[in-house]
PDB file of all heavy atoms in Angstrom:
ATOM      1  N   GLN A   1      -5.582  21.765   4.066  1.00  0.00           N
ATOM      2  CA  GLN A   1      -5.414  20.962   5.254  1.00  0.00           C
ATOM      3  C   GLN A   1      -6.115  19.609   5.238  1.00  0.00           C
ATOM      4  O   GLN A   1      -7.315  19.676   4.754  1.00  0.00           O
ATOM      5  CB  GLN A   1      -5.637  21.835   6.472  1.00  0.00           C
ATOM      6  CG  GLN A   1      -5.380  21.014   7.765  1.00  0.00           C
ATOM      7  CD  GLN A   1      -5.611  21.930   8.999  1.00  0.00           C
ATOM      8  OE1 GLN A   1      -5.165  23.160   9.077  1.00  0.00           O
ATOM      9  NE2 GLN A   1      -6.252  21.425   9.982  1.00  0.00           N
ATOM     10  N   GLN A   2      -5.525  18.593   5.658  1.00  0.00           N
ATOM     11  CA  GLN A   2      -6.143  17.192   5.739  1.00  0.00           C
ATOM     12  C   GLN A   2      -6.169  16.771   7.131  1.00  0.00           C
ATOM     13  O   GLN A   2      -5.229  16.946   7.924  1.00  0.00           O
ATOM     14  CB  GLN A   2      -5.270  16.240   4.976  1.00  0.00           C
ATOM     15  CG  GLN A   2      -5.117  16.595   3.459  1.00  0.00           C
ATOM     16  CD  GLN A   2      -4.231  15.598   2.715  1.00  0.00           C
ATOM     17  OE1 GLN A   2      -4.184  14.380   3.128  1.00  0.00           O
ATOM     18  NE2 GLN A   2      -3.660  16.022   1.696  1.00  0.00           N
ATOM     19  N   GLU A   3      -7.334  15.998   7.477  1.00  0.00           N
ATOM     20  CA  GLU A   3      -7.486  15.510   8.778  1.00  0.00           C
ATOM     21  C   GLU A   3      -7.941  14.127   8.596  1.00  0.00           C
ATOM     22  O   GLU A   3      -8.926  13.821   7.908  1.00  0.00           O
ATOM     23  CB  GLU A   3      -8.460  16.334   9.604  1.00  0.00           C
ATOM     24  CG  GLU A   3      -8.834  15.799  11.019  1.00  0.00           C
ATOM     25  CD  GLU A   3      -9.904  16.654  11.590  1.00  0.00           C
ATOM     26  OE1 GLU A   3      -9.506  17.662  12.174  1.00  0.00           O
ATOM     27  OE2 GLU A   3     -11.073  16.311  11.550  1.00  0.00           O
ATOM     28  N   THR A   4      -7.318  13.147   9.280  1.00  0.00           N
ATOM     29  CA  THR A   4      -7.705  11.692   9.155  1.00  0.00           C
ATOM     30  C   THR A   4      -8.037  11.269  10.570  1.00  0.00           C
ATOM     31  O   THR A   4      -7.102  11.384  11.459  1.00  0.00           O
ATOM     32  CB  THR A   4      -6.662  10.914   8.498  1.00  0.00           C
ATOM     33  OG1 THR A   4      -6.362  11.450   7.217  1.00  0.00           O
ATOM     34  CG2 THR A   4      -7.185   9.425   8.343  1.00  0.00           C
ATOM     35  N   LYS A   5      -9.175  10.781  10.775  1.00  0.00           N
ATOM     36  CA  LYS A   5      -9.579  10.162  12.092  1.00  0.00           C
ATOM     37  C   LYS A   5      -9.807   8.725  11.861  1.00  0.00           C
ATOM     38  O   LYS A   5     -10.624   8.357  11.050  1.00  0.00           O
ATOM     39  CB  LYS A   5     -10.874  10.794  12.578  1.00  0.00           C
ATOM     40  CG  LYS A   5     -10.811  12.301  12.922  1.00  0.00           C
ATOM     41  CD  LYS A   5     -12.121  12.859  13.472  1.00  0.00           C
ATOM     42  CE  LYS A   5     -12.004  14.357  13.825  1.00  0.00           C
ATOM     43  NZ  LYS A   5     -13.256  14.888  14.263  1.00  0.00           N
ATOM     44  N   TYR A   6      -9.009   7.938  12.675  1.00  0.00           N
ATOM     45  CA  TYR A   6      -9.045   6.505  12.582  1.00  0.00           C
ATOM     46  C   TYR A   6      -9.958   5.983  13.653  1.00  0.00           C
ATOM     47  O   TYR A   6     -10.215   6.558  14.681  1.00  0.00           O
ATOM     48  CB  TYR A   6      -7.719   5.861  12.790  1.00  0.00           C
ATOM     49  CG  TYR A   6      -6.709   6.359  11.696  1.00  0.00           C
ATOM     50  CD1 TYR A   6      -5.893   7.525  11.860  1.00  0.00           C
ATOM     51  CD2 TYR A   6      -6.594   5.673  10.527  1.00  0.00           C
ATOM     52  CE1 TYR A   6      -5.069   7.984  10.828  1.00  0.00           C
ATOM     53  CE2 TYR A   6      -5.783   6.051   9.464  1.00  0.00           C
ATOM     54  CZ  TYR A   6      -5.026   7.210   9.679  1.00  0.00           C
ATOM     55  OH  TYR A   6      -4.101   7.671   8.629  1.00  0.00           O
ATOM     56  N   VAL A   7     -10.504   4.663  13.485  1.00  0.00           N
ATOM     57  CA  VAL A   7     -11.400   4.026  14.414  1.00  0.00           C
ATOM     58  C   VAL A   7     -10.674   3.979  15.821  1.00  0.00           C
ATOM     59  O   VAL A   7     -11.334   4.031  16.790  1.00  0.00           O
ATOM     60  CB  VAL A   7     -11.903   2.623  13.865  1.00  0.00           C
ATOM     61  CG1 VAL A   7     -12.721   2.002  14.905  1.00  0.00           C
ATOM     62  CG2 VAL A   7     -12.471   2.859  12.569  1.00  0.00           C
ATOM     63  N   SER A   8      -9.451   3.763  15.801  1.00  0.00           N
ATOM     64  CA  SER A   8      -8.644   3.481  17.001  1.00  0.00           C
ATOM     65  C   SER A   8      -8.666   4.795  17.871  1.00  0.00           C
ATOM     66  O   SER A   8      -8.286   4.767  19.045  1.00  0.00           O
ATOM     67  CB  SER A   8      -7.223   3.169  16.668  1.00  0.00           C
ATOM     68  OG  SER A   8      -6.596   4.181  16.069  1.00  0.00           O
ATOM     69  N   GLY A   9      -9.046   6.005  17.280  1.00  0.00           N
ATOM     70  CA  GLY A   9      -9.003   7.156  18.043  1.00  0.00           C
ATOM     71  C   GLY A   9      -7.772   8.045  17.585  1.00  0.00           C
ATOM     72  O   GLY A   9      -7.797   9.265  17.911  1.00  0.00           O
ATOM     73  N   ARG A  10      -6.917   7.545  16.818  1.00  0.00           N
ATOM     74  CA  ARG A  10      -5.794   8.235  16.214  1.00  0.00           C
ATOM     75  C   ARG A  10      -6.207   9.401  15.388  1.00  0.00           C
ATOM     76  O   ARG A  10      -7.216   9.180  14.573  1.00  0.00           O
ATOM     77  CB  ARG A  10      -4.825   7.339  15.496  1.00  0.00           C
ATOM     78  CG  ARG A  10      -3.755   7.981  14.778  1.00  0.00           C
ATOM     79  CD  ARG A  10      -3.008   6.898  14.017  1.00  0.00           C
ATOM     80  NE  ARG A  10      -1.962   7.633  13.228  1.00  0.00           N
ATOM     81  CZ  ARG A  10      -1.244   7.047  12.256  1.00  0.00           C
ATOM     82  NH1 ARG A  10      -1.470   5.738  11.984  1.00  0.00           N
ATOM     83  NH2 ARG A  10      -0.353   7.697  11.577  1.00  0.00           N
ATOM     84  N   ILE A  11      -5.581  10.475  15.499  1.00  0.00           N
ATOM     85  CA  ILE A  11      -5.880  11.679  14.590  1.00  0.00           C
ATOM     86  C   ILE A  11      -4.576  12.073  13.946  1.00  0.00           C
ATOM     87  O   ILE A  11      -3.629  12.295  14.625  1.00  0.00           O
ATOM     88  CB  ILE A  11      -6.567  12.773  15.382  1.00  0.00           C
ATOM     89  CG1 ILE A  11      -7.951  12.374  15.986  1.00  0.00           C
ATOM     90  CG2 ILE A  11      -6.844  14.048  14.378  1.00  0.00           C
ATOM     91  CD1 ILE A  11      -8.613  13.338  16.889  1.00  0.00           C
ATOM     92  N   ARG A  12      -4.663  12.314  12.671  1.00  0.00           N
ATOM     93  CA  ARG A  12      -3.461  12.777  11.913  1.00  0.00           C
ATOM     94  C   ARG A  12      -3.917  14.064  11.133  1.00  0.00           C
ATOM     95  O   ARG A  12      -4.904  13.972  10.362  1.00  0.00           O
ATOM     96  CB  ARG A  12      -2.846  11.711  11.030  1.00  0.00           C
ATOM     97  CG  ARG A  12      -1.605  12.247  10.359  1.00  0.00           C
ATOM     98  CD  ARG A  12      -0.886  11.175   9.474  1.00  0.00           C
ATOM     99  NE  ARG A  12      -1.793  10.830   8.426  1.00  0.00           N
ATOM    100  CZ  ARG A  12      -1.662   9.658   7.721  1.00  0.00           C
ATOM    101  NH1 ARG A  12      -0.802   8.786   8.002  1.00  0.00           N
ATOM    102  NH2 ARG A  12      -2.484   9.430   6.749  1.00  0.00           N
ATOM    103  N   ILE A  13      -3.254  15.187  11.270  1.00  0.00           N
ATOM    104  CA  ILE A  13      -3.515  16.328  10.543  1.00  0.00           C
ATOM    105  C   ILE A  13      -2.310  16.723   9.759  1.00  0.00           C
ATOM    106  O   ILE A  13      -1.120  16.813  10.292  1.00  0.00           O
ATOM    107  CB  ILE A  13      -3.904  17.509  11.601  1.00  0.00           C
ATOM    108  CG1 ILE A  13      -5.253  17.053  12.329  1.00  0.00           C
ATOM    109  CG2 ILE A  13      -4.178  18.835  10.770  1.00  0.00           C
ATOM    110  CD1 ILE A  13      -5.648  18.060  13.377  1.00  0.00           C
ATOM    111  N   LYS A  14      -2.499  17.102   8.489  1.00  0.00           N
ATOM    112  CA  LYS A  14      -1.363  17.496   7.612  1.00  0.00           C
ATOM    113  C   LYS A  14      -1.732  18.898   7.050  1.00  0.00           C
ATOM    114  O   LYS A  14      -2.914  19.257   6.828  1.00  0.00           O
ATOM    115  CB  LYS A  14      -1.274  16.583   6.393  1.00  0.00           C
ATOM    116  CG  LYS A  14      -0.820  15.231   6.706  1.00  0.00           C
ATOM    117  CD  LYS A  14      -0.687  14.341   5.463  1.00  0.00           C
ATOM    118  CE  LYS A  14      -0.364  12.897   5.764  1.00  0.00           C
ATOM    119  NZ  LYS A  14      -0.200  12.111   4.523  1.00  0.00           N
ATOM    120  N   ASP A  15      -0.669  19.721   6.891  1.00  0.00           N
ATOM    121  CA  ASP A  15      -0.913  21.016   6.279  1.00  0.00           C
ATOM    122  C   ASP A  15      -1.129  20.910   4.764  1.00  0.00           C
ATOM    123  O   ASP A  15      -1.078  19.814   4.212  1.00  0.00           O
ATOM    124  CB  ASP A  15       0.201  22.041   6.634  1.00  0.00           C
ATOM    125  CG  ASP A  15       1.547  21.609   5.935  1.00  0.00           C
ATOM    126  OD1 ASP A  15       1.590  20.863   5.036  1.00  0.00           O
ATOM    127  OD2 ASP A  15       2.587  22.176   6.416  1.00  0.00           O
ATOM    128  N   LYS A  16      -1.286  22.064   4.066  1.00  0.00           N
ATOM    129  CA  LYS A  16      -1.723  21.990   2.688  1.00  0.00           C
ATOM    130  C   LYS A  16      -0.531  21.402   1.786  1.00  0.00           C
ATOM    131  O   LYS A  16      -0.775  20.979   0.708  1.00  0.00           O
ATOM    132  CB  LYS A  16      -1.988  23.446   2.233  1.00  0.00           C
ATOM    133  CG  LYS A  16      -0.801  24.367   2.318  1.00  0.00           C
ATOM    134  CD  LYS A  16      -1.205  25.750   1.735  1.00  0.00           C
ATOM    135  CE  LYS A  16      -0.189  26.817   1.884  1.00  0.00           C
ATOM    136  NZ  LYS A  16       1.066  26.572   1.222  1.00  0.00           N
ATOM    137  N   ASP A  17       0.720  21.362   2.372  1.00  0.00           N
ATOM    138  CA  ASP A  17       1.807  20.848   1.576  1.00  0.00           C
ATOM    139  C   ASP A  17       1.953  19.269   1.869  1.00  0.00           C
ATOM    140  O   ASP A  17       2.961  18.753   1.419  1.00  0.00           O
ATOM    141  CB  ASP A  17       3.085  21.600   1.874  1.00  0.00           C
ATOM    142  CG  ASP A  17       2.874  23.038   1.479  1.00  0.00           C
ATOM    143  OD1 ASP A  17       2.394  23.278   0.340  1.00  0.00           O
ATOM    144  OD2 ASP A  17       3.388  23.917   2.243  1.00  0.00           O
ATOM    145  N   GLY A  18       1.190  18.803   2.755  1.00  0.00           N
ATOM    146  CA  GLY A  18       1.310  17.324   3.190  1.00  0.00           C
ATOM    147  C   GLY A  18       2.157  17.091   4.381  1.00  0.00           C
ATOM    148  O   GLY A  18       2.482  15.887   4.632  1.00  0.00           O
ATOM    149  N   ASN A  19       2.684  18.139   5.046  1.00  0.00           N
ATOM    150  CA  ASN A  19       3.541  17.912   6.166  1.00  0.00           C
ATOM    151  C   ASN A  19       2.609  17.572   7.376  1.00  0.00           C
ATOM    152  O   ASN A  19       1.622  18.284   7.618  1.00  0.00           O
ATOM    153  CB  ASN A  19       4.365  19.330   6.444  1.00  0.00           C
ATOM    154  CG  ASN A  19       5.212  19.601   5.285  1.00  0.00           C
ATOM    155  OD1 ASN A  19       5.921  18.760   4.785  1.00  0.00           O
ATOM    156  ND2 ASN A  19       5.144  20.827   4.910  1.00  0.00           N
ATOM    157  N   ILE A  20       3.037  16.619   8.213  1.00  0.00           N
ATOM    158  CA  ILE A  20       2.262  16.219   9.346  1.00  0.00           C
ATOM    159  C   ILE A  20       2.415  17.306  10.514  1.00  0.00           C
ATOM    160  O   ILE A  20       3.562  17.720  10.889  1.00  0.00           O
ATOM    161  CB  ILE A  20       2.711  14.872   9.885  1.00  0.00           C
ATOM    162  CG1 ILE A  20       2.413  13.826   8.822  1.00  0.00           C
ATOM    163  CG2 ILE A  20       2.030  14.578  11.193  1.00  0.00           C
ATOM    164  CD1 ILE A  20       3.024  12.451   9.239  1.00  0.00           C
ATOM    165  N   ILE A  21       1.301  17.864  10.920  1.00  0.00           N
ATOM    166  CA  ILE A  21       1.239  18.777  12.013  1.00  0.00           C
ATOM    167  C   ILE A  21       1.005  18.133  13.322  1.00  0.00           C
ATOM    168  O   ILE A  21       1.642  18.387  14.333  1.00  0.00           O
ATOM    169  CB  ILE A  21       0.179  19.889  11.775  1.00  0.00           C
ATOM    170  CG1 ILE A  21       0.360  20.572  10.376  1.00  0.00           C
ATOM    171  CG2 ILE A  21       0.001  20.835  12.918  1.00  0.00           C
ATOM    172  CD1 ILE A  21      -0.808  21.531  10.078  1.00  0.00           C
ATOM    173  N   ILE A  22       0.058  17.219  13.294  1.00  0.00           N
ATOM    174  CA  ILE A  22      -0.392  16.482  14.541  1.00  0.00           C
ATOM    175  C   ILE A  22      -0.597  14.970  14.132  1.00  0.00           C
ATOM    176  O   ILE A  22      -1.263  14.713  13.093  1.00  0.00           O
ATOM    177  CB  ILE A  22      -1.622  17.057  15.182  1.00  0.00           C
ATOM    178  CG1 ILE A  22      -1.559  18.422  15.593  1.00  0.00           C
ATOM    179  CG2 ILE A  22      -2.094  16.108  16.266  1.00  0.00           C
ATOM    180  CD1 ILE A  22      -2.808  19.100  15.956  1.00  0.00           C
ATOM    181  N   ASP A  23      -0.001  14.107  14.997  1.00  0.00           N
ATOM    182  CA  ASP A  23      -0.328  12.702  14.727  1.00  0.00           C
ATOM    183  C   ASP A  23      -0.404  12.083  16.216  1.00  0.00           C
ATOM    184  O   ASP A  23       0.562  11.869  16.857  1.00  0.00           O
ATOM    185  CB  ASP A  23       0.783  11.992  13.901  1.00  0.00           C
ATOM    186  CG  ASP A  23       0.327  10.619  13.479  1.00  0.00           C
ATOM    187  OD1 ASP A  23      -0.667  10.088  14.030  1.00  0.00           O
ATOM    188  OD2 ASP A  23       0.995  10.055  12.573  1.00  0.00           O
ATOM    189  N   THR A  24      -1.577  11.759  16.557  1.00  0.00           N
ATOM    190  CA  THR A  24      -1.835  11.159  17.909  1.00  0.00           C
ATOM    191  C   THR A  24      -1.794   9.659  17.834  1.00  0.00           C
ATOM    192  O   THR A  24      -2.875   9.040  17.936  1.00  0.00           O
ATOM    193  CB  THR A  24      -3.085  11.683  18.518  1.00  0.00           C
ATOM    194  OG1 THR A  24      -4.162  11.253  17.691  1.00  0.00           O
ATOM    195  CG2 THR A  24      -3.200  13.153  18.705  1.00  0.00           C
TER     196      THR A  24
END
């Protein structure tokens, strides 16, 4: 699983296959 937190506050989480689970 991958989680990217941007300075803007946006959070994107992908599962192990690269599918986006959450993108705020």
